[in-house]
Amino acid sequence: MEKIFIYIHAGADVNGKGTAASPLVVATGHGGYNNFIRLLLKAGADPNIPDDLGKLPIELAAARDCREEVEILFPLTSPIPNVRNWSVDGIISRANLEQGCSHKEEHIKIRKATLRSQEDKAFRLKEYAVASKVYTEVIDCTGPDAILYSNRSLCKLKMGDGQGAQSDAYQCGMLRPNWAKACYRQATAHMLLKEYKQACDALLDAQKLDTENEEIERELSKAMELMKISPDED
């Protein structure tokens, strides 16, 4: 929190202009960030910036039945036309009604599409931590998927989280054991962890599945060279 305070005072954009989602949208979408929300609002963050579905932070908080967040956001949020009872209780009641309506399945479908849009945007912007969280949400929403684990593995690799990248890469491999990219993801995680023998083994498996892939061949040569210089300990 202290670092965030420093960033804000250094002139960081509290509305996250040019990012996949505003900080308030991210905070209210995940929960557990009450103090962060207060800090953002105090610094001038706009609670009237919606997410990709047009939902305001206060609606996201209400959808999670987080009354405290709704109370924090309420004084600074402009009234929403379709919420007739513009009060903390009214907003929460409206959110509960929406969640229990007959269009819930359609809402979930839209949510999936929105999450996928957010993940792509965050990755393009190299916001790997945000992208990783969104991939997690998509997995929770849609179920295990090899491509999602592969993508999240790459995000963790970019963040320097070798163990996390390795775990996701192996999850990917279990879901699609004959996919060269799964083996390649495992190899790059091993490379980050300086486990060069395991990296070579994974790359050889990848090469068997995709014999003409030049990137795999280059990475294999690199891993073999590094293994000679710094062999893995037995």
Protein backbone atom coordinates (compact mmCIF):
# COMPACT_ATOMS: atom_id res chain seq x y z
CA MET A 1 0.00 0.00 0.00
CA GLU A 2 2.88 2.36 0.78
CA LYS A 3 4.33 1.80 -2.70
CA ILE A 4 0.95 2.53 -4.30
CA PHE A 5 0.74 5.74 -2.25
CA ILE A 6 4.17 6.75 -3.56
CA TYR A 7 3.16 5.98 -7.16
CA ILE A 8 0.03 8.08 -6.83
CA HIS A 9 1.92 11.01 -5.38
CA ALA A 10 4.46 10.64 -8.17
CA GLY A 11 1.70 11.40 -10.65
CA ALA A 12 0.45 7.93 -11.65
CA ASP A 13 -2.89 7.98 -13.48
CA VAL A 14 -5.40 6.75 -10.89
CA ASN A 15 -7.93 6.08 -13.66
CA GLY A 16 -5.54 3.79 -15.54
CA LYS A 17 -5.89 5.56 -18.87
CA GLY A 18 -4.75 3.29 -21.70
CA THR A 19 -4.92 0.14 -19.57
CA ALA A 20 -7.23 -2.86 -19.89
CA ALA A 21 -9.42 -1.72 -16.97
CA SER A 22 -9.44 1.11 -14.46
CA PRO A 23 -7.90 0.38 -11.04
CA LEU A 24 -11.32 0.76 -9.41
CA VAL A 25 -12.84 -1.78 -11.81
CA VAL A 26 -10.04 -4.23 -11.06
CA ALA A 27 -10.30 -3.70 -7.30
CA THR A 28 -14.09 -4.08 -7.12
CA GLY A 29 -14.04 -6.98 -9.56
CA HIS A 30 -11.78 -9.05 -7.31
CA GLY A 31 -12.58 -7.86 -3.79
CA GLY A 32 -10.50 -7.45 -0.66
CA TYR A 33 -9.14 -4.03 -1.60
CA ASN A 34 -11.22 -1.68 0.54
CA ASN A 35 -8.27 0.45 1.63
CA PHE A 36 -6.99 0.57 -1.94
CA ILE A 37 -10.41 1.79 -3.11
CA ARG A 38 -10.41 4.52 -0.45
CA LEU A 39 -6.92 5.57 -1.47
CA LEU A 40 -7.85 5.72 -5.15
CA LEU A 41 -10.95 7.80 -4.46
CA LYS A 42 -9.00 10.15 -2.21
CA ALA A 43 -6.49 10.59 -5.03
CA GLY A 44 -9.26 11.52 -7.46
CA ALA A 45 -10.12 8.23 -9.16
CA ASP A 46 -13.42 8.39 -11.05
CA PRO A 47 -15.92 5.73 -9.86
CA ASN A 48 -18.09 6.43 -12.89
CA ILE A 49 -15.75 4.73 -15.38
CA PRO A 50 -17.37 1.39 -16.32
CA ASP A 51 -15.88 -1.94 -17.32
CA ASP A 52 -16.22 -3.44 -20.80
CA LEU A 53 -19.77 -4.53 -19.99
CA GLY A 54 -20.79 -1.05 -18.92
CA LYS A 55 -20.85 -1.94 -15.23
CA LEU A 56 -19.64 0.66 -12.75
CA PRO A 57 -17.34 -0.28 -9.86
CA ILE A 58 -20.24 0.10 -7.42
CA GLU A 59 -22.24 -2.45 -9.43
CA LEU A 60 -19.33 -4.89 -9.43
CA ALA A 61 -19.05 -4.52 -5.66
CA ALA A 62 -22.80 -5.01 -5.25
CA ALA A 63 -22.72 -8.11 -7.46
CA ARG A 64 -20.26 -9.61 -4.97
CA ASP A 65 -22.56 -8.50 -2.12
CA CYS A 66 -19.77 -6.39 -0.65
CA ARG A 67 -21.71 -3.77 1.27
CA GLU A 68 -18.66 -1.95 2.61
CA GLU A 69 -17.32 -1.32 -0.89
CA VAL A 70 -20.74 -0.10 -2.03
CA GLU A 71 -20.87 2.29 0.93
CA ILE A 72 -17.40 3.62 0.10
CA LEU A 73 -18.26 4.23 -3.56
CA PHE A 74 -21.84 5.45 -3.13
CA PRO A 75 -21.19 9.14 -2.27
CA LEU A 76 -19.07 9.67 -5.40
CA THR A 77 -21.02 7.55 -7.88
CA SER A 78 -23.59 9.16 -10.16
CA PRO A 79 -27.10 7.65 -9.97
CA ILE A 80 -27.70 4.76 -12.37
CA PRO A 81 -30.96 5.22 -14.33
CA ASN A 82 -32.14 1.61 -14.04
CA VAL A 83 -31.65 1.55 -10.25
CA ARG A 84 -34.88 3.12 -9.04
CA ASN A 85 -34.00 3.01 -5.36
CA TRP A 86 -30.74 4.94 -5.41
CA SER A 87 -29.38 3.88 -2.05
CA VAL A 88 -26.86 1.35 -0.81
CA ASP A 89 -29.64 -1.16 -0.14
CA GLY A 90 -31.27 -0.41 -3.48
CA ILE A 91 -28.06 -0.98 -5.44
CA ILE A 92 -27.37 -4.29 -3.69
CA SER A 93 -30.97 -5.44 -4.14
CA ARG A 94 -30.81 -4.61 -7.83
CA ALA A 95 -27.57 -6.58 -8.20
CA ASN A 96 -29.08 -9.58 -6.42
CA LEU A 97 -32.12 -9.40 -8.68
CA GLU A 98 -29.96 -9.33 -11.80
CA GLN A 99 -27.94 -12.30 -10.64
CA GLY A 100 -31.07 -14.33 -10.04
CA CYS A 101 -32.86 -13.41 -13.23
CA SER A 102 -33.65 -15.77 -16.07
CA HIS A 103 -30.94 -14.18 -18.21
CA LYS A 104 -28.14 -15.37 -15.95
CA GLU A 105 -26.74 -17.79 -18.54
CA GLU A 106 -26.60 -15.05 -21.15
CA HIS A 107 -24.84 -12.79 -18.67
CA ILE A 108 -22.24 -15.50 -18.04
CA LYS A 109 -21.74 -15.92 -21.78
CA ILE A 110 -21.15 -12.19 -22.17
CA ARG A 111 -18.85 -12.20 -19.15
CA LYS A 112 -16.73 -14.93 -20.73
CA ALA A 113 -16.42 -12.94 -23.94
CA THR A 114 -15.53 -9.80 -21.99
CA LEU A 115 -12.87 -11.59 -19.97
CA ARG A 116 -11.31 -12.96 -23.14
CA SER A 117 -11.27 -9.45 -24.58
CA GLN A 118 -9.62 -8.14 -21.42
CA GLU A 119 -6.99 -10.87 -21.41
CA ASP A 120 -6.00 -10.15 -25.01
CA LYS A 121 -5.85 -6.40 -24.40
CA ALA A 122 -3.81 -6.74 -21.20
CA PHE A 123 -1.33 -9.08 -22.87
CA ARG A 124 -0.88 -6.74 -25.84
CA LEU A 125 -0.18 -3.92 -23.40
CA LYS A 126 2.35 -6.17 -21.62
CA GLU A 127 0.34 -5.94 -18.39
CA TYR A 128 1.25 -9.49 -17.54
CA ALA A 129 0.05 -9.42 -13.93
CA VAL A 130 -3.37 -8.18 -15.03
CA ALA A 131 -3.49 -10.67 -17.90
CA SER A 132 -2.57 -13.51 -15.54
CA LYS A 133 -5.43 -12.60 -13.19
CA VAL A 134 -7.86 -12.42 -16.07
CA TYR A 135 -6.72 -15.82 -17.36
CA THR A 136 -7.42 -17.17 -13.87
CA GLU A 137 -10.93 -15.70 -13.99
CA VAL A 138 -11.55 -17.22 -17.42
CA ILE A 139 -10.37 -20.63 -16.20
CA ASP A 140 -12.66 -20.33 -13.17
CA CYS A 141 -15.51 -19.29 -15.45
CA THR A 142 -15.06 -21.74 -18.33
CA GLY A 143 -13.11 -24.62 -16.81
CA PRO A 144 -9.63 -26.04 -17.54
CA ASP A 145 -8.27 -25.20 -20.97
CA ALA A 146 -4.81 -25.97 -22.36
CA ILE A 147 -4.52 -22.70 -24.27
CA LEU A 148 -5.43 -20.66 -21.20
CA TYR A 149 -2.86 -22.48 -19.08
CA SER A 150 -0.29 -21.99 -21.84
CA ASN A 151 -1.02 -18.27 -21.99
CA ARG A 152 -0.95 -17.86 -18.22
CA SER A 153 2.32 -19.78 -18.12
CA LEU A 154 3.79 -17.27 -20.56
CA CYS A 155 2.55 -14.36 -18.42
CA LYS A 156 4.19 -15.83 -15.34
CA LEU A 157 7.36 -16.42 -17.33
CA LYS A 158 7.39 -12.74 -18.33
CA MET A 159 6.96 -11.81 -14.66
CA GLY A 160 9.91 -14.00 -13.67
CA ASP A 161 7.78 -16.55 -11.83
CA GLY A 162 9.48 -19.75 -12.93
CA GLN A 163 7.64 -22.06 -10.56
CA GLY A 164 4.26 -20.63 -11.53
CA ALA A 165 5.11 -20.82 -15.22
CA GLN A 166 6.23 -24.41 -14.80
CA SER A 167 3.08 -25.41 -12.93
CA ASP A 168 0.81 -23.96 -15.62
CA ALA A 169 2.91 -25.48 -18.39
CA TYR A 170 2.52 -28.95 -16.90
CA GLN A 171 -1.23 -28.39 -16.44
CA CYS A 172 -1.30 -27.49 -20.12
CA GLY A 173 0.60 -30.66 -20.98
CA MET A 174 -1.80 -32.84 -19.03
CA LEU A 175 -4.73 -31.39 -20.95
CA ARG A 176 -2.99 -31.65 -24.35
CA PRO A 177 -0.13 -34.15 -24.03
CA ASN A 178 0.63 -34.18 -27.76
CA TRP A 179 0.87 -30.42 -28.16
CA ALA A 180 4.34 -29.11 -28.96
CA LYS A 181 3.62 -25.75 -27.37
CA ALA A 182 2.89 -27.41 -24.02
CA CYS A 183 6.35 -29.00 -24.11
CA TYR A 184 7.86 -25.70 -25.20
CA ARG A 185 6.20 -23.86 -22.30
CA GLN A 186 7.61 -26.47 -19.91
CA ALA A 187 11.05 -25.98 -21.42
CA THR A 188 11.04 -22.19 -21.12
CA ALA A 189 10.00 -22.47 -17.48
CA HIS A 190 12.88 -24.88 -16.84
CA MET A 191 15.22 -22.48 -18.62
CA LEU A 192 14.18 -19.64 -16.32
CA LEU A 193 14.81 -21.92 -13.34
CA LYS A 194 18.21 -22.87 -14.84
CA GLU A 195 17.14 -26.51 -15.07
CA TYR A 196 18.80 -27.02 -18.41
CA LYS A 197 18.64 -30.82 -18.62
CA GLN A 198 14.89 -30.81 -18.02
CA ALA A 199 14.59 -27.99 -20.56
CA CYS A 200 16.45 -30.09 -23.14
CA ASP A 201 14.20 -33.08 -22.47
CA ALA A 202 11.06 -30.97 -22.88
CA LEU A 203 12.40 -29.37 -26.07
CA LEU A 204 13.26 -32.76 -27.54
CA ASP A 205 9.67 -33.81 -26.85
CA ALA A 206 8.47 -30.61 -28.51
CA GLN A 207 10.71 -31.23 -31.50
CA LYS A 208 9.26 -34.71 -31.99
CA LEU A 209 5.79 -33.16 -32.15
CA ASP A 210 6.78 -30.25 -34.39
CA THR A 211 9.84 -31.24 -36.40
CA GLU A 212 10.05 -28.09 -38.52
CA ASN A 213 9.73 -25.49 -35.77
CA GLU A 214 12.83 -23.28 -35.94
CA GLU A 215 12.13 -21.60 -32.60
CA ILE A 216 12.18 -24.95 -30.82
CA GLU A 217 15.42 -25.83 -32.57
CA ARG A 218 17.06 -22.54 -31.55
CA GLU A 219 15.94 -22.91 -27.95
CA LEU A 220 17.18 -26.50 -27.86
CA SER A 221 20.63 -25.45 -29.09
CA LYS A 222 20.71 -22.75 -26.43
CA ALA A 223 19.64 -25.16 -23.68
CA MET A 224 22.22 -27.75 -24.71
CA GLU A 225 24.97 -25.14 -24.69
CA LEU A 226 23.94 -23.89 -21.25
CA MET A 227 23.78 -27.45 -19.96
CA LYS A 228 27.43 -27.92 -20.94
CA ILE A 229 28.44 -24.74 -19.12
CA SER A 230 26.21 -25.21 -16.06
CA PRO A 231 25.10 -28.85 -15.83
CA ASP A 232 22.15 -29.61 -13.56
CA GLU A 233 23.00 -31.09 -10.21
CA ASP A 234 21.95 -34.68 -9.74
